[in-house]
Each structure stands twice: as structure tokens, then as C-alpha cells.
Amino acid sequence: MNKTDLIKKVMEKADLQKKDADNAVTAVVDSIIEAVAAGEKVQIVGFGTFEQRLRKERTGVNPRSHEKLTIPASKVPAFKPGKAFKEIVDGNSVDENETEE
């Protein structure tokens, strides 16, 4: 599923016009990106948590020359699915009253 497919799905489920669904999806995605880039966690109960993680500096190998090189530390986005999301993907039913870890 790509962004266009997601917008169509939101249009159907929320009974919105295409422009409104596009604006809603774009606003949610942009808000998550901005928050994670600023170092904040975005927690959506039943779905998961978006956060920023620090990848430590490490040693790598150039595949062409087999020369060792240092890969610098970096900040990377990460997503941890919630309990309900994992159970649905696994095919188990989920009690609607349960909450995420």
C-alpha cells in the first residue's frame, strides 16, 4: 500500500472527500516526522511508537577494496509496533479493552 492507497482507504473509512483525506494523512505523517526529528516519541495506543534512536559509531568494510572504515554515529527513526498491532498481524484476536505496553 502506498500513500495514494492509504488516502483512498481513509476516504472510505472516514467518509471524507479526497482532498480532506489527503490533507489528514499528510498532516499526520508530517507531524510524526517533525516530532521524531525533534527527539520526541509519538505514541499511538494500539498502533505503536515512533521514536529517534542513536546508532553508535561502528567499523565497516568497503566491499570493493575490503578496506576498513569508520561509519559515524547517526540518529535514525524507529518504530515499535504496539501489542494490539502485533496480535492482529499474527492473526490473533484482540480485546478492544486491552491497551499497549
N, C-alpha and C. Protein backbone atom coordinates (compact mmCIF):
# COMPACT_ATOMS: atom_id res chain seq x y z
N MET A 1 0.86 -1.17 0.00
CA MET A 1 0.00 0.00 0.00
C MET A 1 0.90 1.23 0.00
N ASN A 2 0.63 2.17 -0.88
CA ASN A 2 1.38 3.42 -0.90
C ASN A 2 0.50 4.55 -0.34
N LYS A 3 1.01 5.76 -0.37
CA LYS A 3 0.29 6.89 0.22
C LYS A 3 -1.06 7.12 -0.49
N THR A 4 -1.10 6.97 -1.81
CA THR A 4 -2.35 7.15 -2.56
C THR A 4 -3.39 6.13 -2.12
N ASP A 5 -2.97 4.88 -1.95
CA ASP A 5 -3.88 3.83 -1.50
C ASP A 5 -4.38 4.13 -0.08
N LEU A 6 -3.48 4.61 0.76
CA LEU A 6 -3.85 4.95 2.13
C LEU A 6 -4.88 6.08 2.14
N ILE A 7 -4.70 7.07 1.30
CA ILE A 7 -5.64 8.19 1.21
C ILE A 7 -7.01 7.68 0.78
N LYS A 8 -7.05 6.78 -0.19
CA LYS A 8 -8.32 6.20 -0.64
C LYS A 8 -9.01 5.44 0.49
N LYS A 9 -8.22 4.69 1.27
CA LYS A 9 -8.77 3.92 2.39
C LYS A 9 -9.34 4.86 3.45
N VAL A 10 -8.63 5.95 3.74
CA VAL A 10 -9.10 6.94 4.72
C VAL A 10 -10.38 7.60 4.21
N MET A 11 -10.43 7.90 2.90
CA MET A 11 -11.64 8.48 2.30
C MET A 11 -12.85 7.60 2.57
N GLU A 12 -12.68 6.29 2.34
CA GLU A 12 -13.78 5.34 2.51
C GLU A 12 -14.18 5.18 3.97
N LYS A 13 -13.18 4.96 4.83
CA LYS A 13 -13.48 4.68 6.24
C LYS A 13 -14.00 5.90 7.00
N ALA A 14 -13.51 7.09 6.66
CA ALA A 14 -13.91 8.30 7.38
C ALA A 14 -14.97 9.10 6.63
N ASP A 15 -15.38 8.61 5.46
CA ASP A 15 -16.38 9.28 4.63
C ASP A 15 -15.97 10.74 4.37
N LEU A 16 -14.74 10.90 3.83
CA LEU A 16 -14.21 12.22 3.53
C LEU A 16 -14.02 12.38 2.03
N GLN A 17 -13.93 13.63 1.60
CA GLN A 17 -13.56 13.92 0.22
C GLN A 17 -12.07 13.63 0.06
N LYS A 18 -11.63 13.40 -1.17
CA LYS A 18 -10.24 13.05 -1.42
C LYS A 18 -9.29 14.12 -0.88
N LYS A 19 -9.60 15.39 -1.11
CA LYS A 19 -8.74 16.48 -0.67
C LYS A 19 -8.61 16.49 0.86
N ASP A 20 -9.73 16.26 1.55
CA ASP A 20 -9.71 16.25 3.02
C ASP A 20 -8.92 15.06 3.55
N ALA A 21 -9.10 13.89 2.92
CA ALA A 21 -8.35 12.70 3.34
C ALA A 21 -6.86 12.90 3.09
N ASP A 22 -6.51 13.48 1.95
CA ASP A 22 -5.10 13.75 1.62
C ASP A 22 -4.51 14.70 2.65
N ASN A 23 -5.24 15.76 2.99
CA ASN A 23 -4.76 16.72 3.99
C ASN A 23 -4.57 16.05 5.36
N ALA A 24 -5.51 15.16 5.73
CA ALA A 24 -5.43 14.49 7.03
C ALA A 24 -4.22 13.56 7.08
N VAL A 25 -4.04 12.74 6.06
CA VAL A 25 -2.92 11.80 6.03
C VAL A 25 -1.60 12.57 6.02
N THR A 26 -1.51 13.58 5.19
CA THR A 26 -0.28 14.38 5.11
C THR A 26 0.03 15.05 6.44
N ALA A 27 -1.00 15.59 7.10
CA ALA A 27 -0.81 16.25 8.39
C ALA A 27 -0.31 15.27 9.45
N VAL A 28 -0.86 14.07 9.48
CA VAL A 28 -0.44 13.07 10.46
C VAL A 28 1.02 12.66 10.21
N VAL A 29 1.33 12.34 8.95
CA VAL A 29 2.69 11.91 8.62
C VAL A 29 3.70 13.03 8.91
N ASP A 30 3.39 14.24 8.48
CA ASP A 30 4.29 15.37 8.72
C ASP A 30 4.49 15.63 10.21
N SER A 31 3.42 15.50 10.99
CA SER A 31 3.51 15.73 12.43
C SER A 31 4.39 14.68 13.10
N ILE A 32 4.26 13.44 12.67
CA ILE A 32 5.10 12.37 13.23
C ILE A 32 6.56 12.62 12.88
N ILE A 33 6.83 12.95 11.62
CA ILE A 33 8.21 13.21 11.18
C ILE A 33 8.82 14.37 11.95
N GLU A 34 8.09 15.46 12.10
CA GLU A 34 8.60 16.63 12.82
C GLU A 34 8.90 16.31 14.28
N ALA A 35 7.98 15.56 14.93
CA ALA A 35 8.18 15.23 16.34
C ALA A 35 9.39 14.32 16.53
N VAL A 36 9.51 13.29 15.70
CA VAL A 36 10.64 12.36 15.83
C VAL A 36 11.95 13.07 15.52
N ALA A 37 11.96 13.94 14.52
CA ALA A 37 13.17 14.70 14.18
C ALA A 37 13.59 15.60 15.34
N ALA A 38 12.62 16.06 16.13
CA ALA A 38 12.91 16.91 17.28
C ALA A 38 13.27 16.10 18.53
N GLY A 39 13.30 14.77 18.40
CA GLY A 39 13.68 13.92 19.51
C GLY A 39 12.52 13.46 20.38
N GLU A 40 11.31 13.74 19.97
CA GLU A 40 10.13 13.34 20.74
C GLU A 40 9.68 11.94 20.35
N LYS A 41 8.97 11.28 21.28
CA LYS A 41 8.33 10.00 20.98
C LYS A 41 6.89 10.28 20.58
N VAL A 42 6.39 9.56 19.60
CA VAL A 42 4.99 9.66 19.21
C VAL A 42 4.37 8.29 19.49
N GLN A 43 3.47 8.25 20.47
CA GLN A 43 2.88 7.00 20.89
C GLN A 43 1.41 6.99 20.51
N ILE A 44 1.02 6.02 19.70
CA ILE A 44 -0.37 5.87 19.30
C ILE A 44 -0.83 4.53 19.87
N VAL A 45 -1.66 4.58 20.91
CA VAL A 45 -2.10 3.38 21.61
C VAL A 45 -2.79 2.44 20.63
N GLY A 46 -2.40 1.18 20.67
CA GLY A 46 -2.97 0.17 19.79
C GLY A 46 -2.26 0.08 18.46
N PHE A 47 -1.43 1.06 18.14
CA PHE A 47 -0.70 1.05 16.87
C PHE A 47 0.79 0.88 17.12
N GLY A 48 1.40 1.83 17.83
CA GLY A 48 2.82 1.71 18.13
C GLY A 48 3.46 3.03 18.48
N THR A 49 4.79 3.00 18.56
CA THR A 49 5.56 4.16 18.97
C THR A 49 6.63 4.48 17.94
N PHE A 50 6.67 5.72 17.54
CA PHE A 50 7.72 6.23 16.65
C PHE A 50 8.70 6.98 17.54
N GLU A 51 10.01 6.75 17.33
CA GLU A 51 11.00 7.45 18.14
C GLU A 51 12.30 7.58 17.37
N GLN A 52 13.19 8.36 17.95
CA GLN A 52 14.52 8.56 17.38
C GLN A 52 15.49 7.72 18.20
N ARG A 53 16.35 6.98 17.51
CA ARG A 53 17.37 6.19 18.20
C ARG A 53 18.74 6.60 17.70
N LEU A 54 19.73 6.47 18.58
CA LEU A 54 21.10 6.80 18.22
C LEU A 54 21.81 5.53 17.81
N ARG A 55 22.33 5.53 16.61
CA ARG A 55 23.14 4.40 16.12
C ARG A 55 24.59 4.77 16.41
N LYS A 56 25.27 3.94 17.17
CA LYS A 56 26.65 4.22 17.57
C LYS A 56 27.60 4.15 16.39
N GLU A 57 28.74 4.82 16.56
CA GLU A 57 29.81 4.74 15.56
C GLU A 57 30.29 3.29 15.50
N ARG A 58 30.55 2.81 14.29
CA ARG A 58 30.99 1.43 14.15
C ARG A 58 31.98 1.29 13.00
N THR A 59 32.64 0.16 12.95
CA THR A 59 33.61 -0.11 11.90
C THR A 59 32.93 -0.93 10.81
N GLY A 60 33.13 -0.54 9.57
CA GLY A 60 32.59 -1.26 8.44
C GLY A 60 33.71 -1.61 7.47
N VAL A 61 33.34 -2.31 6.39
CA VAL A 61 34.32 -2.70 5.38
C VAL A 61 33.80 -2.30 4.01
N ASN A 62 34.65 -1.62 3.24
CA ASN A 62 34.32 -1.26 1.87
C ASN A 62 34.31 -2.57 1.07
N PRO A 63 33.16 -2.93 0.46
CA PRO A 63 33.09 -4.22 -0.25
C PRO A 63 34.00 -4.31 -1.48
N ARG A 64 34.35 -3.19 -2.06
CA ARG A 64 35.21 -3.21 -3.25
C ARG A 64 36.69 -3.38 -2.89
N SER A 65 37.14 -2.57 -1.94
CA SER A 65 38.57 -2.58 -1.61
C SER A 65 38.89 -3.41 -0.35
N HIS A 66 37.86 -3.83 0.36
CA HIS A 66 38.00 -4.56 1.63
C HIS A 66 38.75 -3.74 2.68
N GLU A 67 38.73 -2.44 2.47
CA GLU A 67 39.38 -1.51 3.38
C GLU A 67 38.43 -1.22 4.55
N LYS A 68 38.96 -1.20 5.77
CA LYS A 68 38.15 -0.88 6.94
C LYS A 68 37.89 0.61 6.97
N LEU A 69 36.68 0.98 7.38
CA LEU A 69 36.35 2.40 7.50
C LEU A 69 35.43 2.59 8.69
N THR A 70 35.40 3.80 9.19
CA THR A 70 34.57 4.12 10.34
C THR A 70 33.25 4.71 9.85
N ILE A 71 32.16 4.09 10.29
CA ILE A 71 30.83 4.60 9.97
C ILE A 71 30.43 5.48 11.15
N PRO A 72 30.19 6.79 10.90
CA PRO A 72 29.90 7.69 12.01
C PRO A 72 28.57 7.40 12.70
N ALA A 73 28.46 7.85 13.94
CA ALA A 73 27.20 7.74 14.68
C ALA A 73 26.13 8.53 13.95
N SER A 74 24.89 8.08 14.07
CA SER A 74 23.79 8.81 13.43
C SER A 74 22.50 8.59 14.20
N LYS A 75 21.58 9.49 13.97
CA LYS A 75 20.24 9.37 14.55
C LYS A 75 19.35 8.75 13.48
N VAL A 76 18.57 7.74 13.87
CA VAL A 76 17.69 7.07 12.92
C VAL A 76 16.28 6.98 13.48
N PRO A 77 15.27 7.05 12.61
CA PRO A 77 13.91 6.87 13.08
C PRO A 77 13.66 5.38 13.35
N ALA A 78 12.80 5.11 14.34
CA ALA A 78 12.48 3.73 14.68
C ALA A 78 11.00 3.63 14.99
N PHE A 79 10.44 2.45 14.73
CA PHE A 79 9.03 2.19 15.02
C PHE A 79 8.93 0.90 15.79
N LYS A 80 8.20 0.93 16.90
CA LYS A 80 7.94 -0.27 17.68
C LYS A 80 6.44 -0.50 17.67
N PRO A 81 5.98 -1.58 17.03
CA PRO A 81 4.54 -1.82 16.99
C PRO A 81 3.98 -2.12 18.37
N GLY A 82 2.74 -1.71 18.58
CA GLY A 82 2.06 -1.97 19.84
C GLY A 82 1.56 -3.40 19.93
N LYS A 83 1.16 -3.80 21.11
CA LYS A 83 0.70 -5.17 21.36
C LYS A 83 -0.48 -5.53 20.47
N ALA A 84 -1.47 -4.64 20.38
CA ALA A 84 -2.66 -4.94 19.58
C ALA A 84 -2.30 -5.11 18.11
N PHE A 85 -1.42 -4.26 17.60
CA PHE A 85 -0.97 -4.33 16.21
C PHE A 85 -0.28 -5.67 15.94
N LYS A 86 0.63 -6.05 16.84
CA LYS A 86 1.36 -7.31 16.67
C LYS A 86 0.40 -8.50 16.68
N GLU A 87 -0.58 -8.47 17.58
CA GLU A 87 -1.53 -9.58 17.67
C GLU A 87 -2.40 -9.68 16.43
N ILE A 88 -2.83 -8.56 15.88
CA ILE A 88 -3.64 -8.57 14.66
C ILE A 88 -2.83 -9.12 13.49
N VAL A 89 -1.58 -8.69 13.36
CA VAL A 89 -0.72 -9.18 12.29
C VAL A 89 -0.48 -10.67 12.44
N ASP A 90 -0.35 -11.13 13.67
CA ASP A 90 -0.11 -12.54 13.95
C ASP A 90 -1.36 -13.39 13.75
N GLY A 91 -2.52 -12.73 13.61
CA GLY A 91 -3.76 -13.46 13.38
C GLY A 91 -4.56 -13.74 14.62
N ASN A 92 -4.11 -13.23 15.75
CA ASN A 92 -4.85 -13.43 17.00
C ASN A 92 -5.88 -12.34 17.17
N SER A 93 -6.98 -12.68 17.80
CA SER A 93 -7.99 -11.64 18.05
C SER A 93 -7.53 -10.78 19.21
N VAL A 94 -8.00 -9.54 19.23
CA VAL A 94 -7.58 -8.58 20.25
C VAL A 94 -8.82 -8.07 20.97
N ASP A 95 -8.76 -8.05 22.30
CA ASP A 95 -9.83 -7.47 23.09
C ASP A 95 -9.70 -5.95 23.00
N GLU A 96 -10.78 -5.28 22.62
CA GLU A 96 -10.73 -3.83 22.42
C GLU A 96 -10.40 -3.07 23.70
N ASN A 97 -10.57 -3.69 24.86
CA ASN A 97 -10.29 -3.01 26.13
C ASN A 97 -8.83 -3.10 26.52
N GLU A 98 -8.04 -3.93 25.83
CA GLU A 98 -6.62 -4.03 26.14
C GLU A 98 -5.89 -2.80 25.65
N THR A 99 -4.81 -2.46 26.33
CA THR A 99 -4.01 -1.30 25.89
C THR A 99 -2.60 -1.75 25.62
N GLU A 100 -1.87 -0.86 24.99
CA GLU A 100 -0.47 -1.10 24.63
C GLU A 100 0.40 -1.09 25.86
N GLU A 101 1.56 -1.77 25.76
CA GLU A 101 2.53 -1.84 26.86
C GLU A 101 2.82 -0.49 27.45
